Amino acid sequence: MLTTTIDAGAAMLRADPMVSAEHRAIYLKAWRMDPAQLDEALRRAKAKPAVESAPEPAQIIHREETAALMASSLRAIDHWARQGILRKVRLPGRSRAVGFRKSDVIALINAQVTGVGEKNP
């Protein structure tokens, strides 16, 4: 690429507030490479995985669904939440609505089934 083109591109990148100095340096480095080097760098970048998949967001379930999964009453679910056995989570976009993480509920069910935390006489 011609140096005048690189200089013009650098000026545009400096003028853009959305481009960080780190990204600007990456762009300029790529523009200064000869075409063969750039092709090789692109091949290597495609060969390695870009980013590991992000973890799944926690699924939040309502009290009613929690009660159904636990085969318990709503009153029991509220009691366990007050005791701290189940941790309440605010539902997104709601002011007073709460739910529970499904993973926490499943873990509690598994603990009940296997008897974890029971006192031995």
N, C-alpha and C. Protein backbone atom coordinates (compact mmCIF):
# COMPACT_ATOMS: atom_id res chain seq x y z
N MET A 1 0.85 -1.17 0.00
CA MET A 1 0.00 0.00 0.00
C MET A 1 0.90 1.23 0.00
N LEU A 2 0.49 2.25 -0.69
CA LEU A 2 1.27 3.48 -0.75
C LEU A 2 1.31 4.16 0.61
N THR A 3 2.44 4.84 0.88
CA THR A 3 2.57 5.52 2.18
C THR A 3 1.54 6.63 2.34
N THR A 4 1.18 7.29 1.25
CA THR A 4 0.16 8.35 1.36
C THR A 4 -1.19 7.75 1.76
N THR A 5 -1.50 6.56 1.25
CA THR A 5 -2.75 5.89 1.62
C THR A 5 -2.72 5.50 3.09
N ILE A 6 -1.58 4.99 3.54
CA ILE A 6 -1.44 4.61 4.95
C ILE A 6 -1.57 5.84 5.84
N ASP A 7 -0.94 6.95 5.44
CA ASP A 7 -1.04 8.19 6.23
C ASP A 7 -2.48 8.69 6.30
N ALA A 8 -3.20 8.61 5.18
CA ALA A 8 -4.60 9.05 5.16
C ALA A 8 -5.45 8.15 6.06
N GLY A 9 -5.21 6.84 5.99
CA GLY A 9 -5.94 5.91 6.85
C GLY A 9 -5.63 6.15 8.33
N ALA A 10 -4.38 6.42 8.64
CA ALA A 10 -3.99 6.70 10.03
C ALA A 10 -4.69 7.96 10.54
N ALA A 11 -4.79 8.97 9.71
CA ALA A 11 -5.47 10.21 10.10
C ALA A 11 -6.95 9.95 10.37
N MET A 12 -7.57 9.12 9.52
CA MET A 12 -8.99 8.79 9.73
C MET A 12 -9.18 8.01 11.04
N LEU A 13 -8.27 7.09 11.29
CA LEU A 13 -8.39 6.30 12.52
C LEU A 13 -8.19 7.17 13.77
N ARG A 14 -7.25 8.14 13.69
CA ARG A 14 -7.04 9.05 14.83
C ARG A 14 -8.26 9.92 15.07
N ALA A 15 -8.95 10.28 14.00
CA ALA A 15 -10.12 11.15 14.12
C ALA A 15 -11.35 10.42 14.64
N ASP A 16 -11.36 9.10 14.54
CA ASP A 16 -12.51 8.31 14.97
C ASP A 16 -12.39 7.99 16.46
N PRO A 17 -13.28 8.52 17.30
CA PRO A 17 -13.17 8.27 18.74
C PRO A 17 -13.50 6.83 19.14
N MET A 18 -14.11 6.06 18.25
CA MET A 18 -14.47 4.69 18.56
C MET A 18 -13.30 3.72 18.39
N VAL A 19 -12.22 4.15 17.75
CA VAL A 19 -11.07 3.29 17.51
C VAL A 19 -10.01 3.58 18.57
N SER A 20 -9.65 2.54 19.33
CA SER A 20 -8.64 2.72 20.37
C SER A 20 -7.25 2.77 19.76
N ALA A 21 -6.28 3.21 20.54
CA ALA A 21 -4.91 3.27 20.06
C ALA A 21 -4.39 1.88 19.72
N GLU A 22 -4.80 0.88 20.50
CA GLU A 22 -4.38 -0.50 20.26
C GLU A 22 -4.90 -1.00 18.90
N HIS A 23 -6.17 -0.75 18.64
CA HIS A 23 -6.75 -1.17 17.36
C HIS A 23 -6.14 -0.40 16.19
N ARG A 24 -5.86 0.87 16.42
CA ARG A 24 -5.24 1.69 15.37
C ARG A 24 -3.88 1.10 15.00
N ALA A 25 -3.11 0.68 16.00
CA ALA A 25 -1.79 0.09 15.75
C ALA A 25 -1.92 -1.21 14.96
N ILE A 26 -2.94 -2.01 15.27
CA ILE A 26 -3.16 -3.27 14.55
C ILE A 26 -3.48 -3.00 13.09
N TYR A 27 -4.37 -2.04 12.84
CA TYR A 27 -4.73 -1.70 11.46
C TYR A 27 -3.50 -1.22 10.68
N LEU A 28 -2.72 -0.32 11.30
CA LEU A 28 -1.56 0.22 10.61
C LEU A 28 -0.52 -0.86 10.32
N LYS A 29 -0.34 -1.78 11.27
CA LYS A 29 0.60 -2.88 11.06
C LYS A 29 0.17 -3.73 9.87
N ALA A 30 -1.14 -4.01 9.79
CA ALA A 30 -1.65 -4.81 8.67
C ALA A 30 -1.49 -4.07 7.35
N TRP A 31 -1.72 -2.77 7.35
CA TRP A 31 -1.60 -2.01 6.12
C TRP A 31 -0.15 -1.94 5.64
N ARG A 32 0.80 -1.97 6.56
CA ARG A 32 2.22 -1.86 6.19
C ARG A 32 2.81 -3.18 5.72
N MET A 33 2.11 -4.30 5.95
CA MET A 33 2.62 -5.61 5.52
C MET A 33 2.55 -5.70 4.00
N ASP A 34 3.48 -6.49 3.44
CA ASP A 34 3.33 -6.75 2.00
C ASP A 34 2.24 -7.81 1.84
N PRO A 35 1.65 -7.93 0.67
CA PRO A 35 0.49 -8.82 0.47
C PRO A 35 0.73 -10.27 0.87
N ALA A 36 1.94 -10.80 0.65
CA ALA A 36 2.21 -12.19 1.01
C ALA A 36 2.16 -12.38 2.53
N GLN A 37 2.77 -11.42 3.26
CA GLN A 37 2.76 -11.50 4.73
C GLN A 37 1.33 -11.39 5.25
N LEU A 38 0.54 -10.51 4.66
CA LEU A 38 -0.84 -10.31 5.09
C LEU A 38 -1.66 -11.58 4.85
N ASP A 39 -1.48 -12.21 3.69
CA ASP A 39 -2.20 -13.45 3.40
C ASP A 39 -1.85 -14.53 4.43
N GLU A 40 -0.56 -14.65 4.75
CA GLU A 40 -0.12 -15.66 5.73
C GLU A 40 -0.71 -15.35 7.11
N ALA A 41 -0.72 -14.11 7.50
CA ALA A 41 -1.28 -13.73 8.81
C ALA A 41 -2.78 -14.03 8.87
N LEU A 42 -3.49 -13.77 7.77
CA LEU A 42 -4.93 -14.07 7.72
C LEU A 42 -5.19 -15.57 7.77
N ARG A 43 -4.35 -16.36 7.09
CA ARG A 43 -4.49 -17.82 7.13
C ARG A 43 -4.30 -18.35 8.55
N ARG A 44 -3.28 -17.83 9.25
CA ARG A 44 -3.03 -18.26 10.63
C ARG A 44 -4.18 -17.85 11.55
N ALA A 45 -4.73 -16.66 11.31
CA ALA A 45 -5.84 -16.19 12.16
C ALA A 45 -7.09 -17.04 11.96
N LYS A 46 -7.32 -17.50 10.73
CA LYS A 46 -8.49 -18.34 10.46
C LYS A 46 -8.30 -19.74 11.01
N ALA A 47 -7.05 -20.21 11.08
CA ALA A 47 -6.77 -21.57 11.52
C ALA A 47 -7.02 -21.76 13.01
N LYS A 48 -6.71 -20.77 13.83
CA LYS A 48 -6.91 -20.92 15.27
C LYS A 48 -8.30 -20.43 15.66
N PRO A 49 -8.92 -21.05 16.67
CA PRO A 49 -10.25 -20.62 17.08
C PRO A 49 -10.20 -19.19 17.61
N ALA A 50 -11.17 -18.40 17.22
CA ALA A 50 -11.18 -16.99 17.59
C ALA A 50 -11.37 -16.81 19.10
N VAL A 51 -12.50 -17.24 19.59
CA VAL A 51 -12.81 -17.06 21.00
C VAL A 51 -13.61 -18.27 21.45
N GLU A 52 -13.32 -18.73 22.67
CA GLU A 52 -14.11 -19.82 23.20
C GLU A 52 -15.53 -19.33 23.40
N SER A 53 -16.47 -20.24 23.27
CA SER A 53 -17.87 -19.84 23.41
C SER A 53 -18.11 -19.33 24.83
N ALA A 54 -18.89 -18.30 24.91
CA ALA A 54 -19.21 -17.71 26.21
C ALA A 54 -20.10 -18.66 27.01
N PRO A 55 -19.96 -18.64 28.32
CA PRO A 55 -20.82 -19.51 29.11
C PRO A 55 -22.28 -19.10 28.97
N GLU A 56 -23.16 -20.07 29.08
CA GLU A 56 -24.58 -19.79 28.97
C GLU A 56 -25.03 -18.90 30.12
N PRO A 57 -25.89 -17.93 29.85
CA PRO A 57 -26.39 -17.13 30.96
C PRO A 57 -27.27 -17.99 31.86
N ALA A 58 -27.29 -17.64 33.13
CA ALA A 58 -28.07 -18.41 34.09
C ALA A 58 -29.56 -18.30 33.75
N GLN A 59 -30.23 -19.43 33.75
CA GLN A 59 -31.67 -19.43 33.48
C GLN A 59 -32.39 -19.16 34.79
N ILE A 60 -33.26 -18.18 34.78
CA ILE A 60 -34.00 -17.80 35.98
C ILE A 60 -35.43 -18.30 35.84
N ILE A 61 -35.92 -18.95 36.88
CA ILE A 61 -37.28 -19.50 36.82
C ILE A 61 -38.12 -18.87 37.93
N HIS A 62 -39.42 -18.79 37.70
CA HIS A 62 -40.37 -18.20 38.64
C HIS A 62 -40.60 -19.11 39.84
N ARG A 63 -41.21 -18.57 40.86
CA ARG A 63 -41.52 -19.32 42.07
C ARG A 63 -42.37 -20.55 41.77
N GLU A 64 -43.36 -20.37 40.90
CA GLU A 64 -44.27 -21.47 40.59
C GLU A 64 -43.52 -22.64 39.95
N GLU A 65 -42.64 -22.33 39.01
CA GLU A 65 -41.87 -23.39 38.36
C GLU A 65 -40.90 -24.04 39.35
N THR A 66 -40.35 -23.23 40.24
CA THR A 66 -39.46 -23.76 41.28
C THR A 66 -40.22 -24.73 42.17
N ALA A 67 -41.43 -24.33 42.56
CA ALA A 67 -42.25 -25.19 43.42
C ALA A 67 -42.58 -26.50 42.70
N ALA A 68 -42.87 -26.42 41.42
CA ALA A 68 -43.19 -27.63 40.65
C ALA A 68 -41.98 -28.55 40.56
N LEU A 69 -40.80 -27.99 40.31
CA LEU A 69 -39.59 -28.81 40.23
C LEU A 69 -39.25 -29.46 41.57
N MET A 70 -39.49 -28.72 42.65
CA MET A 70 -39.15 -29.22 43.99
C MET A 70 -40.28 -30.07 44.58
N ALA A 71 -41.41 -30.15 43.89
CA ALA A 71 -42.59 -30.85 44.39
C ALA A 71 -42.96 -30.31 45.77
N SER A 72 -42.99 -28.98 45.86
CA SER A 72 -43.28 -28.30 47.13
C SER A 72 -44.30 -27.20 46.88
N SER A 73 -44.73 -26.59 47.96
CA SER A 73 -45.69 -25.48 47.87
C SER A 73 -44.94 -24.16 47.69
N LEU A 74 -45.68 -23.14 47.26
CA LEU A 74 -45.10 -21.80 47.16
C LEU A 74 -44.65 -21.31 48.53
N ARG A 75 -45.40 -21.67 49.53
CA ARG A 75 -45.08 -21.25 50.89
C ARG A 75 -43.73 -21.83 51.33
N ALA A 76 -43.47 -23.08 50.96
CA ALA A 76 -42.19 -23.71 51.30
C ALA A 76 -41.04 -23.03 50.55
N ILE A 77 -41.28 -22.68 49.30
CA ILE A 77 -40.25 -21.99 48.50
C ILE A 77 -39.92 -20.64 49.13
N ASP A 78 -40.95 -19.90 49.53
CA ASP A 78 -40.73 -18.60 50.20
C ASP A 78 -39.98 -18.78 51.51
N HIS A 79 -40.31 -19.81 52.25
CA HIS A 79 -39.65 -20.09 53.54
C HIS A 79 -38.16 -20.39 53.30
N TRP A 80 -37.87 -21.23 52.31
CA TRP A 80 -36.47 -21.56 52.00
C TRP A 80 -35.71 -20.32 51.52
N ALA A 81 -36.39 -19.43 50.81
CA ALA A 81 -35.74 -18.20 50.35
C ALA A 81 -35.41 -17.31 51.54
N ARG A 82 -36.34 -17.20 52.52
CA ARG A 82 -36.08 -16.40 53.72
C ARG A 82 -34.92 -16.98 54.54
N GLN A 83 -34.82 -18.31 54.56
CA GLN A 83 -33.75 -18.95 55.32
C GLN A 83 -32.41 -18.90 54.59
N GLY A 84 -32.43 -18.57 53.32
CA GLY A 84 -31.20 -18.50 52.55
C GLY A 84 -30.84 -19.81 51.85
N ILE A 85 -31.72 -20.79 51.93
CA ILE A 85 -31.48 -22.07 51.26
C ILE A 85 -31.56 -21.87 49.74
N LEU A 86 -32.53 -21.09 49.31
CA LEU A 86 -32.64 -20.68 47.91
C LEU A 86 -32.35 -19.18 47.84
N ARG A 87 -31.54 -18.77 46.88
CA ARG A 87 -31.20 -17.36 46.76
C ARG A 87 -32.05 -16.70 45.70
N LYS A 88 -32.74 -15.62 46.06
CA LYS A 88 -33.59 -14.89 45.12
C LYS A 88 -32.76 -14.10 44.13
N VAL A 89 -33.28 -14.00 42.90
CA VAL A 89 -32.65 -13.22 41.84
C VAL A 89 -33.74 -12.35 41.23
N ARG A 90 -33.45 -11.06 41.07
CA ARG A 90 -34.43 -10.16 40.44
C ARG A 90 -34.56 -10.51 38.97
N LEU A 91 -35.79 -10.54 38.49
CA LEU A 91 -36.03 -10.82 37.08
C LEU A 91 -35.72 -9.57 36.26
N PRO A 92 -35.06 -9.71 35.13
CA PRO A 92 -34.69 -8.55 34.32
C PRO A 92 -35.92 -7.77 33.85
N GLY A 93 -35.83 -6.47 33.95
CA GLY A 93 -36.90 -5.61 33.47
C GLY A 93 -38.09 -5.50 34.41
N ARG A 94 -37.98 -6.07 35.58
CA ARG A 94 -39.08 -6.02 36.55
C ARG A 94 -38.60 -5.32 37.81
N SER A 95 -39.51 -4.68 38.51
CA SER A 95 -39.09 -3.97 39.72
C SER A 95 -39.19 -4.84 40.96
N ARG A 96 -40.26 -5.64 41.09
CA ARG A 96 -40.42 -6.44 42.30
C ARG A 96 -40.36 -7.94 42.06
N ALA A 97 -40.43 -8.37 40.83
CA ALA A 97 -40.50 -9.80 40.55
C ALA A 97 -39.15 -10.46 40.80
N VAL A 98 -39.21 -11.62 41.43
CA VAL A 98 -37.99 -12.38 41.69
C VAL A 98 -38.18 -13.81 41.21
N GLY A 99 -37.07 -14.45 41.01
CA GLY A 99 -37.07 -15.86 40.63
C GLY A 99 -35.86 -16.51 41.26
N PHE A 100 -35.53 -17.70 40.76
CA PHE A 100 -34.41 -18.45 41.30
C PHE A 100 -33.62 -19.00 40.12
N ARG A 101 -32.30 -19.14 40.31
CA ARG A 101 -31.48 -19.75 39.25
C ARG A 101 -31.84 -21.22 39.16
N LYS A 102 -32.09 -21.68 37.95
CA LYS A 102 -32.46 -23.08 37.75
C LYS A 102 -31.34 -24.00 38.21
N SER A 103 -30.08 -23.59 37.99
CA SER A 103 -28.95 -24.42 38.42
C SER A 103 -28.92 -24.58 39.93
N ASP A 104 -29.29 -23.52 40.68
CA ASP A 104 -29.35 -23.62 42.15
C ASP A 104 -30.45 -24.59 42.59
N VAL A 105 -31.59 -24.51 41.92
CA VAL A 105 -32.72 -25.38 42.26
C VAL A 105 -32.36 -26.84 41.98
N ILE A 106 -31.75 -27.10 40.83
CA ILE A 106 -31.35 -28.47 40.47
C ILE A 106 -30.31 -28.99 41.46
N ALA A 107 -29.36 -28.12 41.85
CA ALA A 107 -28.34 -28.53 42.82
C ALA A 107 -28.99 -28.88 44.17
N LEU A 108 -30.00 -28.11 44.58
CA LEU A 108 -30.69 -28.40 45.83
C LEU A 108 -31.46 -29.71 45.74
N ILE A 109 -32.09 -29.96 44.60
CA ILE A 109 -32.81 -31.22 44.40
C ILE A 109 -31.83 -32.39 44.48
N ASN A 110 -30.69 -32.25 43.81
CA ASN A 110 -29.67 -33.32 43.83
C ASN A 110 -29.14 -33.54 45.24
N ALA A 111 -28.98 -32.47 46.00
CA ALA A 111 -28.50 -32.61 47.37
C ALA A 111 -29.53 -33.34 48.22
N GLN A 112 -30.83 -33.07 47.98
CA GLN A 112 -31.88 -33.75 48.74
C GLN A 112 -31.93 -35.24 48.39
N VAL A 113 -31.75 -35.54 47.10
CA VAL A 113 -31.84 -36.93 46.65
C VAL A 113 -30.66 -37.75 47.20
N THR A 114 -29.46 -37.17 47.18
CA THR A 114 -28.28 -37.90 47.63
C THR A 114 -28.08 -37.82 49.13
N GLY A 115 -28.83 -36.97 49.81
CA GLY A 115 -28.73 -36.86 51.26
C GLY A 115 -27.56 -36.03 51.72
N VAL A 116 -27.01 -35.17 50.87
CA VAL A 116 -25.89 -34.33 51.26
C VAL A 116 -26.36 -33.34 52.30
N GLY A 117 -25.57 -33.19 53.35
CA GLY A 117 -25.89 -32.22 54.39
C GLY A 117 -26.74 -32.79 55.51
N GLU A 118 -27.14 -34.05 55.43
CA GLU A 118 -27.92 -34.65 56.50
C GLU A 118 -27.01 -34.99 57.67
N LYS A 119 -27.54 -34.85 58.87
CA LYS A 119 -26.78 -35.20 60.07
C LYS A 119 -26.94 -36.69 60.35
N ASN A 120 -25.83 -37.33 60.67
CA ASN A 120 -25.87 -38.74 61.03
C ASN A 120 -26.13 -38.86 62.52
N PRO A 121 -27.07 -39.76 62.93
CA PRO A 121 -27.37 -39.89 64.36
C PRO A 121 -26.23 -40.50 65.13
